[in-house]
Amino acid sequence: MKSQFENNPEFKKFLEDWLSWTPPKSKIRIFLDKNLPIEVIEEFKELKDIFKITGIASKGEDDRSIFNKARKLKALIITRDLEFWDDKKFPIKDSPGTIIVKGNNSERVNRSLGLFFENLDIIDAIRKIPDWATSTKWKISLSGYIQKILTRESNVEIEKVKY
């Protein structure tokens, strides 16, 4: 990309415009799994200027139902359930965007989410391109994240990022 930036004035202008553009303050649509600590759910409720909670899974609601509801609502799934990583059960091509948080208590889950949102700048990305997270899954922790995406060529790519 550096060579494109240096050798192509039009690309340079496009990139500068893209980076300086402030998107509308639309809310990020999220669907919260029942396995998240109540403190984390409450924190999302307090961040109502950033997030719109389209649903919170009820006790006993199965993962397929959560996936289908979130997909229909075009909402990012936030969960601690590793089953959502399985593309055979939950195909990445159908994923509305899934964040799987590693952590066994509310403090770790909250910190992991904070680091993820800060380092990936997912909020700004989704505000600029509402379906940016579609066909993407992340496993996040305090040390970084693993991103799984479906490329335009329909290949699955996995990338590990450490903070």
Protein backbone atom coordinates (compact mmCIF):
# COMPACT_ATOMS: atom_id res chain seq x y z
CA MET A 1 0.00 0.00 0.00
CA LYS A 2 2.90 2.34 0.67
CA SER A 3 3.92 2.29 -2.99
CA GLN A 4 0.34 3.04 -4.05
CA PHE A 5 0.28 5.93 -1.62
CA GLU A 6 3.56 7.38 -2.83
CA ASN A 7 3.10 6.82 -6.58
CA ASN A 8 -0.58 7.55 -7.03
CA PRO A 9 -1.85 11.02 -6.05
CA GLU A 10 -5.47 9.95 -6.55
CA PHE A 11 -5.04 7.04 -4.12
CA LYS A 12 -3.32 9.38 -1.66
CA LYS A 13 -6.27 11.79 -1.81
CA PHE A 14 -8.78 8.94 -1.46
CA LEU A 15 -6.96 7.58 1.61
CA GLU A 16 -6.69 11.01 3.23
CA ASP A 17 -10.40 11.66 2.61
CA TRP A 18 -11.35 8.22 3.98
CA LEU A 19 -9.31 8.68 7.14
CA SER A 20 -10.64 12.18 7.77
CA TRP A 21 -14.29 11.34 7.12
CA THR A 22 -16.44 11.37 10.23
CA PRO A 23 -19.33 8.95 9.85
CA PRO A 24 -22.81 9.64 11.17
CA LYS A 25 -23.25 8.71 14.80
CA SER A 26 -25.35 5.66 14.01
CA LYS A 27 -25.54 3.01 16.68
CA ILE A 28 -23.89 -0.38 16.38
CA ARG A 29 -26.58 -3.05 16.43
CA ILE A 30 -25.71 -5.89 18.83
CA PHE A 31 -27.35 -9.09 20.00
CA LEU A 32 -26.07 -10.25 23.40
CA ASP A 33 -25.82 -13.90 24.37
CA LYS A 34 -27.17 -15.06 27.71
CA ASN A 35 -23.72 -16.30 28.76
CA LEU A 36 -22.29 -12.81 29.14
CA PRO A 37 -21.91 -11.57 32.73
CA ILE A 38 -24.82 -9.34 33.79
CA GLU A 39 -22.33 -6.51 34.52
CA VAL A 40 -21.22 -6.58 30.88
CA ILE A 41 -24.82 -6.50 29.63
CA GLU A 42 -25.52 -3.56 31.96
CA GLU A 43 -22.48 -1.71 30.63
CA PHE A 44 -23.70 -2.14 27.05
CA LYS A 45 -27.07 -0.72 28.15
CA GLU A 46 -25.27 2.33 29.55
CA LEU A 47 -23.45 2.87 26.24
CA LYS A 48 -26.74 3.52 24.45
CA ASP A 49 -25.25 6.39 22.44
CA ILE A 50 -22.92 3.85 20.74
CA PHE A 51 -24.76 0.51 20.86
CA LYS A 52 -28.33 -0.49 20.10
CA ILE A 53 -29.15 -3.76 21.82
CA THR A 54 -31.50 -5.51 19.39
CA GLY A 55 -31.87 -8.52 21.66
CA ILE A 56 -30.62 -10.40 24.67
CA ALA A 57 -30.88 -14.18 24.49
CA SER A 58 -33.16 -15.69 27.08
CA LYS A 59 -32.19 -18.59 29.31
CA GLY A 60 -32.63 -21.82 27.45
CA GLU A 61 -32.52 -20.15 24.03
CA ASP A 62 -30.39 -22.26 21.73
CA ASP A 63 -27.46 -20.94 19.71
CA ARG A 64 -29.20 -21.50 16.35
CA SER A 65 -32.04 -19.23 17.46
CA ILE A 66 -29.56 -16.54 18.59
CA PHE A 67 -27.70 -16.75 15.27
CA ASN A 68 -30.89 -16.54 13.21
CA LYS A 69 -32.33 -13.63 15.21
CA ALA A 70 -29.09 -11.64 15.04
CA ARG A 71 -28.82 -12.30 11.33
CA LYS A 72 -32.39 -11.17 10.71
CA LEU A 73 -31.80 -8.04 12.81
CA LYS A 74 -28.40 -7.41 11.17
CA ALA A 75 -26.84 -7.30 14.62
CA LEU A 76 -23.36 -8.23 15.75
CA ILE A 77 -23.43 -11.26 18.08
CA ILE A 78 -21.46 -10.88 21.29
CA THR A 79 -20.99 -14.13 23.19
CA ARG A 80 -18.57 -16.31 25.15
CA ASP A 81 -19.74 -19.45 23.35
CA LEU A 82 -17.01 -21.03 21.18
CA GLU A 83 -19.61 -22.99 19.21
CA PHE A 84 -20.20 -19.86 17.11
CA TRP A 85 -16.63 -20.23 15.74
CA ASP A 86 -17.62 -23.50 14.05
CA ASP A 87 -18.39 -22.70 10.40
CA LYS A 88 -20.18 -26.01 9.92
CA LYS A 89 -22.75 -25.10 12.57
CA PHE A 90 -22.72 -21.35 11.91
CA PRO A 91 -21.48 -20.66 8.38
CA ILE A 92 -19.26 -17.61 8.15
CA LYS A 93 -20.98 -16.60 4.91
CA ASP A 94 -24.22 -16.18 6.92
CA SER A 95 -22.66 -14.55 9.97
CA PRO A 96 -23.87 -11.05 10.83
CA GLY A 97 -20.52 -10.62 12.59
CA THR A 98 -19.63 -12.55 15.74
CA ILE A 99 -17.43 -11.58 18.67
CA ILE A 100 -16.52 -14.46 20.97
CA VAL A 101 -15.03 -13.17 24.22
CA LYS A 102 -12.64 -15.22 26.31
CA GLY A 103 -12.94 -14.54 30.02
CA ASN A 104 -14.35 -16.20 33.09
CA ASN A 105 -15.51 -13.08 34.92
CA SER A 106 -17.04 -9.72 34.11
CA GLU A 107 -13.80 -7.77 34.60
CA ARG A 108 -11.86 -9.89 32.06
CA VAL A 109 -14.73 -9.88 29.57
CA ASN A 110 -15.17 -6.11 29.91
CA ARG A 111 -11.43 -5.41 29.53
CA SER A 112 -11.16 -7.76 26.55
CA LEU A 113 -14.05 -6.00 24.81
CA GLY A 114 -12.58 -2.58 25.58
CA LEU A 115 -9.16 -3.49 24.17
CA PHE A 116 -10.75 -5.04 21.09
CA PHE A 117 -12.98 -2.06 20.30
CA GLU A 118 -10.09 0.33 20.89
CA ASN A 119 -7.47 -1.54 18.84
CA LEU A 120 -9.62 -2.57 15.89
CA ASP A 121 -11.69 0.63 15.76
CA ILE A 122 -14.68 -1.51 14.86
CA ILE A 123 -17.17 1.18 15.91
CA ASP A 124 -15.89 3.69 13.36
CA ALA A 125 -15.64 1.00 10.68
CA ILE A 126 -19.26 -0.12 11.15
CA ARG A 127 -20.47 3.47 11.24
CA LYS A 128 -18.76 4.10 7.90
CA ILE A 129 -19.84 0.78 6.35
CA PRO A 130 -22.81 -0.71 8.25
CA ASP A 131 -22.26 -4.29 7.02
CA TRP A 132 -18.48 -4.16 7.56
CA ALA A 133 -18.56 -6.98 10.15
CA THR A 134 -20.73 -9.30 8.04
CA SER A 135 -19.07 -12.65 7.28
CA THR A 136 -16.49 -12.04 9.99
CA LYS A 137 -15.84 -13.73 13.32
CA TRP A 138 -13.46 -12.76 16.10
CA LYS A 139 -12.19 -14.61 19.16
CA ILE A 140 -10.93 -11.98 21.55
CA SER A 141 -8.97 -11.99 24.80
CA LEU A 142 -6.84 -9.66 26.88
CA SER A 143 -3.79 -10.46 24.76
CA GLY A 144 -5.31 -9.93 21.29
CA TYR A 145 -7.74 -11.46 18.85
CA ILE A 146 -8.09 -13.99 16.07
CA GLN A 147 -10.03 -12.74 13.08
CA LYS A 148 -11.73 -15.06 10.60
CA ILE A 149 -13.07 -13.44 7.44
CA LEU A 150 -14.67 -14.57 4.23
CA THR A 151 -12.85 -12.98 1.30
CA ARG A 152 -14.43 -11.78 -1.94
CA GLU A 153 -13.13 -14.99 -3.52
CA SER A 154 -15.09 -17.00 -0.89
CA ASN A 155 -11.94 -18.14 0.91
CA VAL A 156 -11.70 -18.10 4.68
CA GLU A 157 -8.70 -16.22 6.02
CA ILE A 158 -7.53 -16.28 9.62
CA GLU A 159 -5.29 -13.66 11.17
CA LYS A 160 -3.90 -13.48 14.72
CA VAL A 161 -3.28 -10.07 16.23
CA LYS A 162 -1.55 -9.41 19.56
CA TYR A 163 -2.00 -6.14 21.43
